[in-house]
Amino acid sequence: MKDRIVLAYSGGLDTSVAIGWIADATGAEVIAVAVDVGQGGESLETVRQRALGCGAVEAYVADARDEFANEYCVPTLKANGLYQGHYPLVSAISRPVIVKHLVKAAREFGATTVAHGCTGKGNDQVRFEVGIQTLGPDLKCIAPVRDLALTRDKAIAYAEEKHLPIVTTKKNPYSIDQNVWGRAVETGYLEDIWNAPTKDIYDYTASPEFPPAPDEVTITFVQGVPTALDGVALSPLQVIQELNRRAGAQGVGRIDVVEDRLVGIKSREIYEAPGAMALITAHKHLEDVTIEREHARFKATVGQRWSELVYDGQWFSPLKRALDGFIEDSQQYVSGDIRMTLHGGQAIVNGRRSDTSLYDFSLATYDTGDTFDQSSAKGFIDIWGMASKVASGRDQRVAGE
């Protein structure tokens, strides 16, 4: 019996050609695995039939949209996950769910190897292979573009020679990855970091220059999970999809950043994440009124480290799992409503309400009804500043000697 190799299959040129390319190079049978994480475009059945038409012996397709939203996007939201303060981990969080289905397919079809379409200079090769090593430590990994010298020119020539059922003539100058959490665009014209993005870059967002009328939305959270928009109960997937539409129409969630890749190079990236950025903004504002100060400060540190781990392909690591526990515990009281206005590229919070709020009007007000004991302030300040006062006295004494 021939060896079998599971291939992470997108339906595009490179992975379509990779089916036959891998078979020719290794003599193995190829099982194509396509995972729907809300990237849109063609139906899973169309993608499945193309894989079979390109020579796959089996084609496994999975509708993982709700799984992705519930188990990957929601934890990212709870962590306020932003790598280097900018990137909402669009591609980074989709790789673990794809890996999960790759390993599942490898078990089901008796494959010994998993293949992916990443190059040797990006982050995704690490995310795929570390994830596969963790969930399927007995499985081998190969990358046709990296390991079998499959360049784009070779891919086009191979597809034309074999009459594969794919379009090979149109060359998109950009590398694009997208899912329901957002869209990532890189390479081509963008590699000169002085070049401003052109209008054709964007798809999830309209230009914020000439926006429609302001759109006010109320987002309901229950223990950190978005459960409704404007009082209408929705699943997390539906919330993200609807905010992609509404925030996207206002140009919210455009990000242009030079970030530090795991492999050590800096890379210019354009992201569109209208739903994700609106939700993270709303969630952070709800945390501001429901999480105690020192808890919130430490959670911000945890969220930053969590984001770094996820970006670096460590979704399944012990440390990330431990941080998940802290973050989940922190969400116990993060319930309530956030009202925000979406307009002209911005998502601005202008209202908050929560039954578990720590905001006490009688302590905060400066008007009649103030219950704050101002006589306590002087002694508090004396004690709070004692250490600095003593240190300053020491500095002055030493300087005068």
Protein backbone atom coordinates (compact mmCIF):
# COMPACT_ATOMS: atom_id res chain seq x y z
CA MET A 1 0.00 0.00 0.00
CA LYS A 2 1.27 3.46 -0.90
CA ASP A 3 2.08 6.03 1.76
CA ARG A 4 -0.54 8.70 2.19
CA ILE A 5 0.04 12.41 2.70
CA VAL A 6 -2.58 14.84 4.00
CA LEU A 7 -2.36 18.27 2.33
CA ALA A 8 -3.80 21.49 3.80
CA TYR A 9 -5.81 22.53 0.74
CA SER A 10 -7.09 26.04 -0.02
CA GLY A 11 -8.37 25.46 -3.54
CA GLY A 12 -5.89 27.94 -5.03
CA LEU A 13 -3.14 27.45 -7.59
CA ASP A 14 -0.27 26.44 -5.32
CA THR A 15 -2.06 23.81 -3.26
CA SER A 16 -3.92 22.46 -6.31
CA VAL A 17 -0.64 21.93 -8.14
CA ALA A 18 0.92 20.57 -4.94
CA ILE A 19 -1.38 17.53 -5.08
CA GLY A 20 0.30 16.16 -8.19
CA TRP A 21 3.68 17.67 -7.39
CA ILE A 22 3.83 15.82 -4.06
CA ALA A 23 2.64 12.59 -5.66
CA ASP A 24 5.34 12.83 -8.36
CA ALA A 25 8.10 13.71 -5.88
CA THR A 26 7.24 11.15 -3.19
CA GLY A 27 5.15 8.45 -4.85
CA ALA A 28 2.53 8.88 -2.14
CA GLU A 29 -1.23 9.29 -2.44
CA VAL A 30 -2.53 12.74 -1.48
CA ILE A 31 -5.60 13.48 0.63
CA ALA A 32 -6.71 17.11 0.32
CA VAL A 33 -8.14 18.73 3.47
CA ALA A 34 -10.08 21.99 3.16
CA VAL A 35 -11.28 23.79 6.29
CA ASP A 36 -13.88 26.57 6.15
CA VAL A 37 -13.05 29.22 8.78
CA GLY A 38 -15.29 31.85 7.23
CA GLN A 39 -13.00 32.86 4.38
CA GLY A 40 -15.92 33.15 1.98
CA GLY A 41 -15.64 32.53 -1.75
CA GLU A 42 -16.33 29.12 -3.23
CA SER A 43 -18.44 26.42 -1.63
CA LEU A 44 -16.73 23.52 0.11
CA GLU A 45 -18.17 21.13 -2.47
CA THR A 46 -16.63 23.14 -5.33
CA VAL A 47 -13.29 23.08 -3.55
CA ARG A 48 -13.66 19.37 -2.88
CA GLN A 49 -14.37 18.56 -6.52
CA ARG A 50 -11.38 20.61 -7.66
CA ALA A 51 -9.10 18.67 -5.30
CA LEU A 52 -10.33 15.39 -6.76
CA GLY A 53 -9.93 16.79 -10.28
CA CYS A 54 -6.32 17.68 -9.49
CA GLY A 55 -5.52 14.11 -8.47
CA ALA A 56 -6.35 13.76 -4.78
CA VAL A 57 -7.43 10.24 -3.85
CA GLU A 58 -9.67 11.64 -1.13
CA ALA A 59 -10.95 15.13 -0.32
CA TYR A 60 -11.95 15.91 3.26
CA VAL A 61 -13.86 19.15 3.83
CA ALA A 62 -14.91 20.64 7.16
CA ASP A 63 -17.26 23.50 7.97
CA ALA A 64 -15.41 24.83 11.01
CA ARG A 65 -16.93 28.31 11.11
CA ASP A 66 -18.76 27.98 14.42
CA GLU A 67 -15.88 25.99 15.92
CA PHE A 68 -13.45 28.70 14.84
CA ALA A 69 -15.63 31.49 16.24
CA ASN A 70 -16.38 29.78 19.57
CA GLU A 71 -13.04 28.13 20.34
CA TYR A 72 -10.51 30.46 18.71
CA CYS A 73 -12.00 33.93 18.07
CA VAL A 74 -13.78 34.19 21.44
CA PRO A 75 -10.65 33.28 23.48
CA THR A 76 -8.75 35.88 21.44
CA LEU A 77 -11.43 38.44 22.28
CA LYS A 78 -11.31 37.57 25.99
CA ALA A 79 -7.54 38.11 25.90
CA ASN A 80 -7.95 41.37 23.92
CA GLY A 81 -5.40 39.65 21.69
CA LEU A 82 -3.34 42.15 19.69
CA TYR A 83 0.21 41.21 18.70
CA GLN A 84 2.53 44.19 19.23
CA GLY A 85 -0.54 46.26 20.04
CA HIS A 86 -1.85 46.18 16.47
CA TYR A 87 -2.52 42.79 14.90
CA PRO A 88 -5.66 40.89 16.02
CA LEU A 89 -4.03 37.52 15.17
CA VAL A 90 -6.20 36.91 12.09
CA SER A 91 -4.10 34.15 10.51
CA ALA A 92 -2.40 33.00 13.71
CA ILE A 93 -5.64 31.77 15.32
CA SER A 94 -6.89 29.99 12.19
CA ARG A 95 -3.85 27.72 11.93
CA PRO A 96 -4.54 25.68 15.09
CA VAL A 97 -8.09 24.76 14.00
CA ILE A 98 -6.81 23.80 10.54
CA VAL A 99 -4.06 21.70 12.17
CA LYS A 100 -6.68 19.97 14.32
CA HIS A 101 -8.56 18.87 11.19
CA LEU A 102 -5.37 17.90 9.35
CA VAL A 103 -4.38 15.55 12.16
CA LYS A 104 -7.93 14.20 12.38
CA ALA A 105 -7.87 13.44 8.64
CA ALA A 106 -4.44 11.84 8.89
CA ARG A 107 -5.81 9.44 11.52
CA GLU A 108 -8.97 8.74 9.53
CA PHE A 109 -7.22 8.04 6.24
CA GLY A 110 -4.06 6.38 7.58
CA ALA A 111 -1.63 9.08 6.46
CA THR A 112 1.92 9.26 7.80
CA THR A 113 2.76 12.79 6.65
CA VAL A 114 1.09 16.20 6.63
CA ALA A 115 1.88 18.84 4.00
CA HIS A 116 1.21 22.58 3.92
CA GLY A 117 1.76 25.33 1.35
CA CYS A 118 3.91 27.73 3.38
CA THR A 119 7.23 29.22 2.36
CA GLY A 120 10.41 29.07 4.42
CA LYS A 121 10.37 32.69 5.58
CA GLY A 122 6.92 33.13 7.10
CA ASN A 123 5.24 32.48 10.43
CA ASP A 124 2.70 29.93 9.20
CA GLN A 125 5.21 27.14 8.59
CA VAL A 126 6.01 27.30 12.30
CA ARG A 127 2.36 27.42 13.34
CA PHE A 128 1.46 24.42 11.19
CA GLU A 129 4.43 22.26 12.06
CA VAL A 130 4.57 22.98 15.79
CA GLY A 131 0.83 22.29 15.98
CA ILE A 132 1.18 19.04 14.04
CA GLN A 133 4.12 17.95 16.19
CA THR A 134 2.03 18.59 19.28
CA LEU A 135 -1.23 16.93 18.21
CA GLY A 136 0.35 14.22 16.06
CA PRO A 137 3.94 13.72 17.21
CA ASP A 138 4.31 10.60 15.05
CA LEU A 139 3.43 12.49 11.86
CA LYS A 140 6.04 13.92 9.49
CA CYS A 141 5.69 17.35 7.84
CA ILE A 142 6.62 18.54 4.37
CA ALA A 143 6.15 21.90 2.63
CA PRO A 144 6.15 21.65 -1.19
CA VAL A 145 7.03 25.31 -1.76
CA ARG A 146 9.85 25.14 0.78
CA ASP A 147 11.01 21.52 0.57
CA LEU A 148 10.17 20.44 -3.00
CA ALA A 149 11.09 23.68 -4.84
CA LEU A 150 7.56 24.41 -6.06
CA THR A 151 7.75 28.02 -7.29
CA ARG A 152 4.80 29.92 -8.73
CA ASP A 153 6.25 29.77 -12.26
CA LYS A 154 6.64 26.01 -11.94
CA ALA A 155 3.12 25.75 -10.56
CA ILE A 156 1.61 27.56 -13.55
CA ALA A 157 3.60 25.48 -16.02
CA TYR A 158 2.64 22.25 -14.25
CA ALA A 159 -1.05 23.18 -14.15
CA GLU A 160 -1.08 23.97 -17.87
CA GLU A 161 0.83 20.82 -18.76
CA LYS A 162 -1.54 18.62 -16.75
CA HIS A 163 -4.68 20.57 -17.78
CA LEU A 164 -5.68 21.00 -14.15
CA PRO A 165 -9.15 22.51 -13.49
CA ILE A 166 -7.83 25.83 -12.15
CA VAL A 167 -7.18 29.31 -13.50
CA THR A 168 -3.44 29.78 -14.00
CA THR A 169 -3.07 32.98 -16.00
CA LYS A 170 -4.18 35.68 -13.55
CA LYS A 171 -1.43 36.71 -11.19
CA ASN A 172 -2.51 38.45 -8.02
CA PRO A 173 0.38 40.66 -6.88
CA TYR A 174 -0.53 40.15 -3.22
CA SER A 175 -0.49 37.28 -0.76
CA ILE A 176 -3.91 37.20 0.91
CA ASP A 177 -5.26 35.16 3.81
CA GLN A 178 -8.73 35.69 5.21
CA ASN A 179 -11.30 34.28 7.57
CA VAL A 180 -14.24 35.56 9.58
CA TRP A 181 -11.93 37.26 12.12
CA GLY A 182 -10.22 39.34 9.43
CA ARG A 183 -8.10 39.60 6.33
CA ALA A 184 -4.32 39.82 5.86
CA VAL A 185 -2.57 41.24 2.78
CA GLU A 186 1.16 41.35 2.09
CA THR A 187 3.93 41.30 -0.57
CA GLY A 188 4.03 42.97 -3.99
CA TYR A 189 3.75 46.75 -4.02
CA LEU A 190 3.44 46.79 -0.23
CA GLU A 191 7.00 45.56 0.31
CA ASP A 192 8.20 49.15 -0.18
CA ILE A 193 7.11 50.46 3.21
CA TRP A 194 6.93 54.04 1.89
CA ASN A 195 4.12 53.06 -0.50
CA ALA A 196 0.63 53.81 0.73
CA PRO A 197 -1.94 51.02 0.24
CA THR A 198 -4.00 51.38 -2.92
CA LYS A 199 -7.78 51.04 -2.91
CA ASP A 200 -7.68 47.58 -4.50
CA ILE A 201 -6.02 46.23 -1.34
CA TYR A 202 -9.25 46.31 0.64
CA ASP A 203 -12.26 44.03 0.54
CA TYR A 204 -13.75 43.77 4.04
CA THR A 205 -13.87 47.55 4.56
CA ALA A 206 -15.19 50.54 2.64
CA SER A 207 -13.14 53.74 2.50
CA PRO A 208 -13.66 55.76 5.70
CA GLU A 209 -13.22 59.03 3.80
CA PHE A 210 -16.86 59.31 2.72
CA PRO A 211 -18.75 57.17 5.24
CA PRO A 212 -22.50 56.62 5.45
CA ALA A 213 -24.44 58.04 8.41
CA PRO A 214 -23.13 57.00 11.86
CA ASP A 215 -24.23 53.53 12.93
CA GLU A 216 -24.94 53.07 16.65
CA VAL A 217 -24.77 49.49 17.92
CA THR A 218 -25.23 47.92 21.36
CA ILE A 219 -23.17 44.79 22.01
CA THR A 220 -24.17 42.45 24.83
CA PHE A 221 -21.56 40.30 26.57
CA VAL A 222 -22.03 37.44 29.02
CA GLN A 223 -18.79 36.55 30.85
CA GLY A 224 -16.74 38.00 28.02
CA VAL A 225 -18.68 36.28 25.22
CA PRO A 226 -20.64 38.45 22.76
CA THR A 227 -24.23 37.15 22.78
CA ALA A 228 -26.39 39.83 21.14
CA LEU A 229 -26.44 42.93 18.96
CA ASP A 230 -29.08 45.60 19.61
CA GLY A 231 -30.93 43.17 21.86
CA VAL A 232 -31.13 40.39 19.25
CA ALA A 233 -29.57 37.13 20.45
CA LEU A 234 -26.86 35.84 18.10
CA SER A 235 -24.11 33.22 18.14
CA PRO A 236 -20.50 34.48 18.33
CA LEU A 237 -20.10 33.68 14.62
CA GLN A 238 -23.20 35.71 13.76
CA VAL A 239 -22.03 38.63 15.92
CA ILE A 240 -18.66 38.69 14.16
CA GLN A 241 -20.25 38.41 10.71
CA GLU A 242 -22.76 41.20 11.40
CA LEU A 243 -20.10 43.52 12.82
CA ASN A 244 -17.87 42.75 9.83
CA ARG A 245 -20.70 44.07 7.68
CA ARG A 246 -21.65 47.11 9.78
CA ALA A 247 -18.20 48.17 10.96
CA GLY A 248 -16.74 47.32 7.56
CA ALA A 249 -19.21 49.67 5.86
CA GLN A 250 -17.77 52.46 8.05
CA GLY A 251 -14.13 51.64 7.27
CA VAL A 252 -13.43 50.39 10.80
CA GLY A 253 -10.54 47.98 11.36
CA ARG A 254 -7.94 48.97 8.75
CA ILE A 255 -4.43 48.32 10.06
CA ASP A 256 -1.12 49.12 8.28
CA VAL A 257 1.87 47.93 10.31
CA VAL A 258 5.46 46.71 10.08
CA GLU A 259 5.61 43.78 12.50
CA ASP A 260 8.31 41.46 13.78
CA ARG A 261 7.96 37.97 12.37
CA LEU A 262 8.96 34.97 14.40
CA VAL A 263 11.73 34.12 11.90
CA GLY A 264 13.51 37.40 12.68
CA ILE A 265 12.55 39.69 9.79
CA LYS A 266 10.30 42.72 9.79
CA SER A 267 7.32 42.49 7.48
CA ARG A 268 4.85 45.09 6.23
CA GLU A 269 1.28 43.86 6.65
CA ILE A 270 -2.13 45.28 5.84
CA TYR A 271 -5.01 43.91 7.90
CA GLU A 272 -8.75 44.40 7.77
CA ALA A 273 -10.62 43.27 10.87
CA PRO A 274 -13.77 45.37 11.26
CA GLY A 275 -15.70 42.96 13.47
CA ALA A 276 -12.68 41.92 15.52
CA MET A 277 -11.51 45.46 16.24
CA ALA A 278 -15.02 46.68 17.12
CA LEU A 279 -15.46 43.73 19.49
CA ILE A 280 -12.05 44.10 21.13
CA THR A 281 -12.73 47.81 21.69
CA ALA A 282 -16.13 47.09 23.23
CA HIS A 283 -14.83 44.20 25.34
CA LYS A 284 -11.95 46.27 26.73
CA HIS A 285 -14.34 49.06 27.75
CA LEU A 286 -16.61 46.56 29.52
CA GLU A 287 -13.59 45.15 31.36
CA ASP A 288 -12.74 48.69 32.46
CA VAL A 289 -15.93 48.83 34.52
CA THR A 290 -16.08 45.21 35.71
CA ILE A 291 -12.47 44.19 36.55
CA GLU A 292 -10.63 45.51 39.62
CA ARG A 293 -7.62 47.76 38.94
CA GLU A 294 -4.70 45.46 39.86
CA HIS A 295 -6.44 42.50 38.23
CA ALA A 296 -6.90 44.54 35.04
CA ARG A 297 -3.27 45.69 35.02
CA PHE A 298 -1.97 42.16 35.32
CA LYS A 299 -4.47 40.87 32.75
CA ALA A 300 -3.07 43.36 30.22
CA THR A 301 0.38 41.81 30.75
CA VAL A 302 -1.07 38.31 30.42
CA GLY A 303 -2.94 39.30 27.25
CA GLN A 304 0.25 40.61 25.69
CA ARG A 305 2.17 37.42 26.48
CA TRP A 306 -0.80 35.31 25.30
CA SER A 307 -0.77 37.18 21.98
CA GLU A 308 2.96 36.60 21.54
CA LEU A 309 2.58 32.87 22.18
CA VAL A 310 -0.29 32.55 19.71
CA TYR A 311 1.56 34.58 17.07
CA ASP A 312 4.60 32.35 17.58
CA GLY A 313 2.64 29.15 16.93
CA GLN A 314 2.32 28.05 20.57
CA TRP A 315 -1.48 27.66 20.70
CA PHE A 316 -1.16 24.16 22.18
CA SER A 317 1.70 24.96 24.59
CA PRO A 318 1.50 24.46 28.38
CA LEU A 319 2.10 28.16 29.07
CA LYS A 320 -0.62 29.29 26.70
CA ARG A 321 -3.01 26.77 28.27
CA ALA A 322 -2.15 28.09 31.74
CA LEU A 323 -2.73 31.68 30.64
CA ASP A 324 -6.09 30.57 29.21
CA GLY A 325 -7.08 29.59 32.74
CA PHE A 326 -6.24 33.03 34.13
CA ILE A 327 -8.02 34.84 31.30
CA GLU A 328 -11.13 32.68 31.61
CA ASP A 329 -11.29 33.34 35.35
CA SER A 330 -10.96 37.07 34.72
CA GLN A 331 -14.16 37.05 32.66
CA GLN A 332 -16.44 35.99 35.53
CA TYR A 333 -18.01 39.44 35.85
CA VAL A 334 -17.45 40.78 32.31
CA SER A 335 -21.15 40.93 31.50
CA GLY A 336 -23.25 43.83 30.31
CA ASP A 337 -23.89 46.12 27.35
CA ILE A 338 -21.59 48.43 25.44
CA ARG A 339 -23.02 51.09 23.15
CA MET A 340 -20.70 52.29 20.41
CA THR A 341 -20.89 54.47 17.32
CA LEU A 342 -19.33 53.18 14.11
CA HIS A 343 -18.38 56.02 11.79
CA GLY A 344 -15.56 57.23 9.58
CA GLY A 345 -13.11 54.44 10.39
CA GLN A 346 -13.65 54.59 14.15
CA ALA A 347 -15.56 52.53 16.71
CA ILE A 348 -16.19 54.88 19.62
CA VAL A 349 -17.74 53.68 22.87
CA ASN A 350 -20.24 56.12 24.36
CA GLY A 351 -22.25 54.01 26.81
CA ARG A 352 -21.75 51.20 29.32
CA ARG A 353 -24.06 49.31 31.66
CA SER A 354 -23.54 46.21 33.74
CA ASP A 355 -25.15 44.52 36.71
CA THR A 356 -21.63 43.47 37.80
CA SER A 357 -20.05 46.91 37.41
CA LEU A 358 -17.49 48.22 39.91
CA TYR A 359 -18.41 51.79 39.02
CA ASP A 360 -20.08 53.34 42.07
CA PHE A 361 -21.86 56.58 41.21
CA SER A 362 -21.98 57.72 44.84
CA LEU A 363 -18.19 57.39 45.13
CA ALA A 364 -17.45 58.92 41.72
CA THR A 365 -19.77 61.95 41.81
CA TYR A 366 -18.63 65.44 42.85
CA ASP A 367 -22.22 66.51 43.45
CA THR A 368 -24.61 66.04 46.35
CA GLY A 369 -24.69 62.43 47.43
CA ASP A 370 -20.91 62.01 47.38
CA THR A 371 -20.02 59.25 49.86
CA PHE A 372 -16.24 59.42 49.41
CA ASP A 373 -14.50 60.40 52.69
CA GLN A 374 -12.06 63.07 51.52
CA SER A 375 -10.51 63.35 54.99
CA SER A 376 -8.84 59.97 54.36
CA ALA A 377 -6.83 61.33 51.44
CA LYS A 378 -4.04 63.15 53.32
CA GLY A 379 -2.95 60.15 55.37
CA PHE A 380 -3.18 57.91 52.30
CA ILE A 381 -0.87 60.24 50.34
CA ASP A 382 1.64 60.42 53.19
CA ILE A 383 1.92 56.64 53.39
CA TRP A 384 1.79 56.11 49.61
CA GLY A 385 4.70 58.50 49.09
CA MET A 386 6.74 57.36 52.13
CA ALA A 387 9.14 55.08 50.22
CA SER A 388 9.94 57.73 47.60
CA LYS A 389 10.36 60.38 50.29
CA VAL A 390 12.86 58.25 52.24
CA ALA A 391 14.79 57.37 49.05
CA SER A 392 14.93 61.02 47.99
CA GLY A 393 16.31 61.98 51.42
CA ARG A 394 19.02 59.34 51.06
CA ASP A 395 19.93 60.66 47.57
CA GLN A 396 20.25 64.22 48.82
CA ARG A 397 22.34 63.15 51.83
CA VAL A 398 24.77 61.13 49.70
CA ALA A 399 25.05 63.90 47.11
CA GLY A 400 25.96 66.38 49.84
CA GLU A 401 28.75 64.27 51.34
